[in-house]
Amino acid sequence: MKHFLLLPATLAFAMLHAGEESTDFIRFVEGDEGDSLQTAVVSYESPQKAKVDLVGAIHIADKAYFDALNVRFKSYDAVLYELVGPSIKERSKEEPKPESQQKLQWVGQLQTIMRDTLKLHGQLEGIDYTARNFVHADMDMSQFTQTQGQKQESFLTLYLKAVQAQKSINAERGVNSDAAGMVLLLKILTMKDSSTELKRMLASEFDSVEDIMAGIESGDGTVLIGERNKFALEIMDQQLAAGKKHIAIFYGAAHLADMEARLLKKGFNRTKVEWLKAWDLPHEK
């Protein structure tokens, strides 16, 4: 039986464009030799023949995953990336302001804990953000906090929406996630290779993230996903207007259902789906 655990990483996903079959941007694949967590690279083409790839990111992953992305990114005219605050290049020039350190500090701390516990690598260390074709395509901290204030959005409001969405999913599927999840976690922690098995448990839960995020992003959407996606696509439009013909948008996989809906509304057509292995999960021998 599948266990549905509330993960901080699930605080982001969105409703898809009406009338279109939904695209998966993250999946857990089981195999005889081992399992894997995979993210999608989904390609679209505009009526003007411009090409845009949505490249789903996992913020902590195997080093080989980030290495493969670095090679892939060299083929694009521009790679638009997410990062609330100043761009990577600006951050390297000046010390961050105290308030920008504190606003989203918990996110970095959480990712560091997960990275070390699961024996994975971090995205900021694994991806070459200094590449000449990389373009910052996210809100700065003042834009982010101002828009959150306007929407009266906070981590607590998002968390409560996520809890409610997950309760609805568990009720529909008859899953007692609290009891079953604790038993499974205790079993994993006593295994010889607990980090791999913990990754396997977490990876299997990512399949439920799309249903949870549909509940979180319902209504007038969130700043965490919808408003930042709007901003990213404005940058995309600027890059296309400047003559770029092949663009990648490198955002967390949880952003991409909403982003796909916005591309479809702009007249783009989906042309191809590829899958990249983010976590390799071999079976114990």
Protein backbone atom coordinates (compact mmCIF):
# COMPACT_ATOMS: atom_id res chain seq x y z
CA MET A 1 0.00 0.00 0.00
CA LYS A 2 1.25 3.46 -0.84
CA HIS A 3 1.87 5.83 2.09
CA PHE A 4 1.28 9.54 1.66
CA LEU A 5 3.61 11.67 3.78
CA LEU A 6 3.49 15.46 3.86
CA LEU A 7 6.80 16.71 2.45
CA PRO A 8 7.93 20.36 2.57
CA ALA A 9 8.87 19.97 -1.09
CA THR A 10 5.17 19.58 -1.91
CA LEU A 11 4.38 23.24 -1.23
CA ALA A 12 4.03 23.94 -4.92
CA PHE A 13 2.07 22.62 -7.92
CA ALA A 14 -0.83 23.87 -10.02
CA MET A 15 -4.02 23.30 -12.00
CA LEU A 16 -3.50 22.35 -15.64
CA HIS A 17 -5.01 24.00 -18.70
CA ALA A 18 -8.61 22.87 -19.21
CA GLY A 19 -9.06 20.40 -22.07
CA GLU A 20 -5.40 19.30 -22.13
CA GLU A 21 -4.23 15.93 -20.85
CA SER A 22 -2.03 16.55 -17.83
CA THR A 23 1.72 16.17 -18.20
CA ASP A 24 3.71 14.49 -15.45
CA PHE A 25 6.88 16.36 -14.56
CA ILE A 26 8.14 14.00 -11.88
CA ARG A 27 7.73 10.26 -11.44
CA PHE A 28 8.93 7.30 -9.40
CA VAL A 29 9.87 4.28 -11.53
CA GLU A 30 10.29 0.76 -10.15
CA GLY A 31 12.49 -1.80 -11.90
CA ASP A 32 13.99 -5.24 -11.43
CA GLU A 33 17.54 -3.91 -10.96
CA GLY A 34 16.54 -0.82 -9.02
CA ASP A 35 14.18 2.13 -8.81
CA SER A 36 14.59 5.80 -9.70
CA LEU A 37 13.12 9.24 -9.21
CA GLN A 38 12.93 10.98 -12.58
CA THR A 39 12.16 14.50 -13.78
CA ALA A 40 10.84 15.53 -17.18
CA VAL A 41 12.15 17.75 -19.92
CA VAL A 42 9.04 18.75 -21.88
CA SER A 43 9.39 20.56 -25.20
CA TYR A 44 6.97 23.10 -26.70
CA GLU A 45 6.83 25.07 -29.93
CA SER A 46 5.16 28.42 -30.53
CA PRO A 47 3.21 29.37 -33.69
CA GLN A 48 6.33 31.40 -34.61
CA LYS A 49 8.45 28.19 -34.32
CA ALA A 50 10.28 29.29 -31.17
CA LYS A 51 11.17 26.32 -28.97
CA VAL A 52 10.86 26.28 -25.18
CA ASP A 53 11.79 23.36 -22.91
CA LEU A 54 10.46 23.11 -19.37
CA VAL A 55 13.26 21.39 -17.45
CA GLY A 56 12.04 20.04 -14.12
CA ALA A 57 14.51 20.45 -11.28
CA ILE A 58 15.04 18.43 -8.14
CA HIS A 59 16.96 20.65 -5.72
CA ILE A 60 18.94 17.76 -4.23
CA ALA A 61 19.95 14.88 -6.49
CA ASP A 62 22.73 12.59 -7.69
CA LYS A 63 25.83 14.35 -8.99
CA ALA A 64 25.39 12.59 -12.35
CA TYR A 65 22.00 14.30 -12.74
CA PHE A 66 23.47 17.78 -12.38
CA ASP A 67 26.43 16.89 -14.61
CA ALA A 68 24.06 15.78 -17.39
CA LEU A 69 22.05 18.99 -17.06
CA ASN A 70 25.19 21.13 -17.36
CA VAL A 71 25.97 19.44 -20.67
CA ARG A 72 22.37 19.80 -21.92
CA PHE A 73 22.18 23.50 -21.02
CA LYS A 74 25.06 24.37 -23.35
CA SER A 75 22.76 23.74 -26.34
CA TYR A 76 20.26 26.51 -25.48
CA ASP A 77 20.30 30.16 -26.50
CA ALA A 78 19.16 31.01 -22.96
CA VAL A 79 18.52 29.09 -19.74
CA LEU A 80 16.03 30.87 -17.45
CA TYR A 81 16.49 29.89 -13.81
CA GLU A 82 14.64 30.34 -10.53
CA LEU A 83 16.12 31.98 -7.44
CA VAL A 84 14.22 34.41 -5.22
CA GLY A 85 16.53 37.36 -4.63
CA PRO A 86 19.46 38.65 -6.67
CA SER A 87 21.00 36.61 -9.48
CA ILE A 88 23.91 34.28 -8.83
CA LYS A 89 26.31 36.76 -10.45
CA GLU A 90 25.07 39.64 -8.27
CA ARG A 91 25.31 37.52 -5.14
CA SER A 92 28.97 36.85 -5.85
CA LYS A 93 29.71 40.59 -5.97
CA GLU A 94 28.21 41.71 -2.68
CA GLU A 95 27.30 40.46 0.76
CA PRO A 96 23.62 39.54 1.13
CA LYS A 97 21.49 41.87 3.25
CA PRO A 98 20.42 40.50 6.63
CA GLU A 99 16.71 40.56 5.76
CA SER A 100 17.28 38.56 2.55
CA GLN A 101 19.21 35.99 4.56
CA GLN A 102 16.33 35.49 6.98
CA LYS A 103 13.21 35.46 4.77
CA LEU A 104 13.78 32.08 3.11
CA GLN A 105 16.59 30.82 5.32
CA TRP A 106 14.56 27.83 6.47
CA VAL A 107 14.36 26.55 2.87
CA GLY A 108 18.13 26.37 2.50
CA GLN A 109 18.52 24.81 5.93
CA LEU A 110 15.96 22.14 5.13
CA GLN A 111 17.60 21.31 1.81
CA THR A 112 21.00 21.06 3.51
CA ILE A 113 19.65 18.62 6.10
CA MET A 114 17.98 16.49 3.42
CA ARG A 115 21.07 16.60 1.19
CA ASP A 116 23.35 15.36 3.97
CA THR A 117 20.90 12.77 5.32
CA LEU A 118 20.17 11.30 1.91
CA LYS A 119 23.80 11.53 0.70
CA LEU A 120 22.88 13.65 -2.33
CA HIS A 121 24.26 16.83 -3.93
CA GLY A 122 22.79 20.33 -3.88
CA GLN A 123 21.56 22.11 -7.01
CA LEU A 124 23.40 25.38 -6.33
CA GLU A 125 26.69 23.49 -6.09
CA GLY A 126 25.95 21.08 -8.95
CA ILE A 127 24.75 23.49 -11.65
CA ASP A 128 27.05 25.98 -13.38
CA TYR A 129 25.04 29.17 -12.91
CA THR A 130 27.96 31.26 -14.20
CA ALA A 131 27.40 30.02 -17.76
CA ARG A 132 26.98 32.93 -20.20
CA ASN A 133 23.55 31.78 -21.40
CA PHE A 134 22.04 31.66 -17.88
CA VAL A 135 19.38 34.32 -17.23
CA HIS A 136 17.87 35.06 -13.82
CA ALA A 137 14.07 34.75 -14.16
CA ASP A 138 12.65 35.12 -10.67
CA MET A 139 11.40 37.79 -8.27
CA ASP A 140 13.77 39.71 -6.05
CA MET A 141 13.09 39.56 -2.32
CA SER A 142 11.14 42.82 -2.18
CA GLN A 143 8.85 41.74 -5.03
CA PHE A 144 8.31 38.35 -3.40
CA THR A 145 7.45 39.67 0.07
CA GLN A 146 5.32 42.54 -1.27
CA THR A 147 3.24 40.17 -3.42
CA GLN A 148 2.87 37.73 -0.54
CA GLY A 149 1.62 40.59 1.63
CA GLN A 150 -0.95 41.55 -0.98
CA LYS A 151 -2.21 37.96 -1.12
CA GLN A 152 -1.88 37.50 2.67
CA GLU A 153 0.21 34.42 1.97
CA SER A 154 2.63 32.88 4.46
CA PHE A 155 4.34 29.56 5.05
CA LEU A 156 1.61 28.75 7.59
CA THR A 157 -1.26 29.37 5.16
CA LEU A 158 0.47 27.23 2.52
CA TYR A 159 1.19 24.49 5.05
CA LEU A 160 -2.42 24.37 6.20
CA LYS A 161 -3.65 24.15 2.60
CA ALA A 162 -1.20 21.32 1.97
CA VAL A 163 -2.38 19.46 5.07
CA GLN A 164 -6.01 19.79 4.01
CA ALA A 165 -5.24 18.67 0.45
CA GLN A 166 -3.36 15.63 1.69
CA LYS A 167 -6.11 14.67 4.13
CA SER A 168 -8.58 14.69 1.25
CA ILE A 169 -6.31 12.46 -0.85
CA ASN A 170 -5.72 10.03 2.02
CA ALA A 171 -9.45 9.86 2.78
CA GLU A 172 -10.24 9.06 -0.87
CA ARG A 173 -7.65 6.28 -0.91
CA GLY A 174 -8.31 4.90 2.55
CA VAL A 175 -4.75 5.49 3.78
CA ASN A 176 -3.81 6.04 7.43
CA SER A 177 -0.58 7.84 6.62
CA ASP A 178 0.45 8.67 10.20
CA ALA A 179 0.52 5.10 11.51
CA ALA A 180 1.71 3.39 8.35
CA GLY A 181 4.34 6.04 7.65
CA MET A 182 5.87 5.78 11.14
CA VAL A 183 6.14 1.98 10.96
CA LEU A 184 7.81 2.21 7.54
CA LEU A 185 10.21 4.93 8.72
CA LEU A 186 11.31 2.89 11.75
CA LYS A 187 11.88 -0.13 9.52
CA ILE A 188 14.00 1.90 7.11
CA LEU A 189 16.16 3.43 9.85
CA THR A 190 17.19 -0.06 11.03
CA MET A 191 18.29 -1.21 7.56
CA LYS A 192 21.93 -1.58 6.54
CA ASP A 193 21.69 1.15 3.88
CA SER A 194 19.11 3.42 5.48
CA SER A 195 19.90 6.47 3.31
CA THR A 196 19.03 4.58 0.10
CA GLU A 197 15.84 3.17 1.56
CA LEU A 198 14.81 6.53 2.98
CA LYS A 199 15.35 8.02 -0.50
CA ARG A 200 13.22 5.23 -1.96
CA MET A 201 10.39 6.00 0.46
CA LEU A 202 10.53 9.73 -0.23
CA ALA A 203 10.85 9.23 -3.99
CA SER A 204 7.72 7.09 -4.07
CA GLU A 205 5.81 9.91 -2.38
CA PHE A 206 6.59 12.40 -5.13
CA ASP A 207 3.95 10.70 -7.28
CA SER A 208 1.29 12.24 -5.03
CA VAL A 209 2.66 15.78 -5.22
CA GLU A 210 0.60 16.76 -8.26
CA ASP A 211 -2.70 15.98 -6.52
CA ILE A 212 -1.64 17.90 -3.41
CA MET A 213 -0.51 20.92 -5.39
CA ALA A 214 -3.76 21.07 -7.34
CA GLY A 215 -5.43 21.73 -4.00
CA ILE A 216 -2.87 24.28 -2.84
CA GLU A 217 -2.88 26.28 -6.08
CA SER A 218 -6.68 26.27 -6.46
CA GLY A 219 -8.58 29.54 -6.18
CA ASP A 220 -6.53 32.62 -7.05
CA GLY A 221 -3.20 30.74 -6.88
CA THR A 222 -0.12 31.43 -4.79
CA VAL A 223 2.91 33.70 -4.95
CA LEU A 224 5.18 30.71 -4.36
CA ILE A 225 4.10 29.20 -7.69
CA GLY A 226 1.66 31.14 -9.85
CA GLU A 227 2.99 34.68 -9.44
CA ARG A 228 6.63 33.63 -9.81
CA ASN A 229 5.69 31.65 -12.92
CA LYS A 230 4.08 34.74 -14.42
CA PHE A 231 7.31 36.62 -13.79
CA ALA A 232 9.43 33.87 -15.38
CA LEU A 233 7.32 33.85 -18.53
CA GLU A 234 7.63 37.62 -18.82
CA ILE A 235 11.40 37.10 -18.92
CA MET A 236 10.86 34.37 -21.52
CA ASP A 237 8.86 36.79 -23.69
CA GLN A 238 11.69 39.33 -23.43
CA GLN A 239 14.25 36.73 -24.49
CA LEU A 240 12.14 35.63 -27.45
CA ALA A 241 11.63 39.26 -28.49
CA ALA A 242 15.41 39.68 -28.38
CA GLY A 243 15.78 36.94 -31.00
CA LYS A 244 16.41 33.81 -28.87
CA LYS A 245 14.94 30.77 -30.62
CA HIS A 246 15.60 27.90 -28.19
CA ILE A 247 15.03 28.52 -24.49
CA ALA A 248 15.08 26.32 -21.40
CA ILE A 249 13.15 27.23 -18.26
CA PHE A 250 14.88 25.50 -15.37
CA TYR A 251 12.48 25.57 -12.44
CA GLY A 252 11.48 23.17 -9.69
CA ALA A 253 9.33 20.37 -11.10
CA ALA A 254 6.47 21.48 -8.86
CA HIS A 255 6.21 24.75 -10.83
CA LEU A 256 5.80 23.21 -14.24
CA ALA A 257 2.16 22.10 -14.38
CA ASP A 258 1.07 25.72 -13.94
CA MET A 259 3.80 26.92 -16.29
CA GLU A 260 2.68 24.47 -18.97
CA ALA A 261 -0.88 25.78 -18.67
CA ARG A 262 0.38 29.31 -19.26
CA LEU A 263 2.42 28.24 -22.31
CA LEU A 264 -0.59 26.45 -23.81
CA LYS A 265 -2.69 29.58 -23.36
CA LYS A 266 0.00 31.49 -25.27
CA GLY A 267 -0.48 29.13 -28.22
CA PHE A 268 2.47 26.78 -27.65
CA ASN A 269 2.07 23.11 -28.55
CA ARG A 270 3.68 20.27 -26.60
CA THR A 271 6.01 18.31 -28.89
CA LYS A 272 8.15 15.93 -26.82
CA VAL A 273 8.74 14.51 -23.32
CA GLU A 274 12.09 13.15 -22.10
CA TRP A 275 12.95 11.74 -18.68
CA LEU A 276 16.13 12.25 -16.64
CA LYS A 277 17.14 10.09 -13.68
CA ALA A 278 17.59 12.32 -10.61
CA TRP A 279 17.90 9.64 -7.92
CA ASP A 280 19.32 6.20 -8.69
CA LEU A 281 17.96 3.70 -6.14
CA PRO A 282 19.55 0.24 -6.56
CA HIS A 283 18.12 -2.72 -4.68
CA GLU A 284 20.13 -4.24 -1.84
CA LYS A 285 22.12 -7.32 -2.87
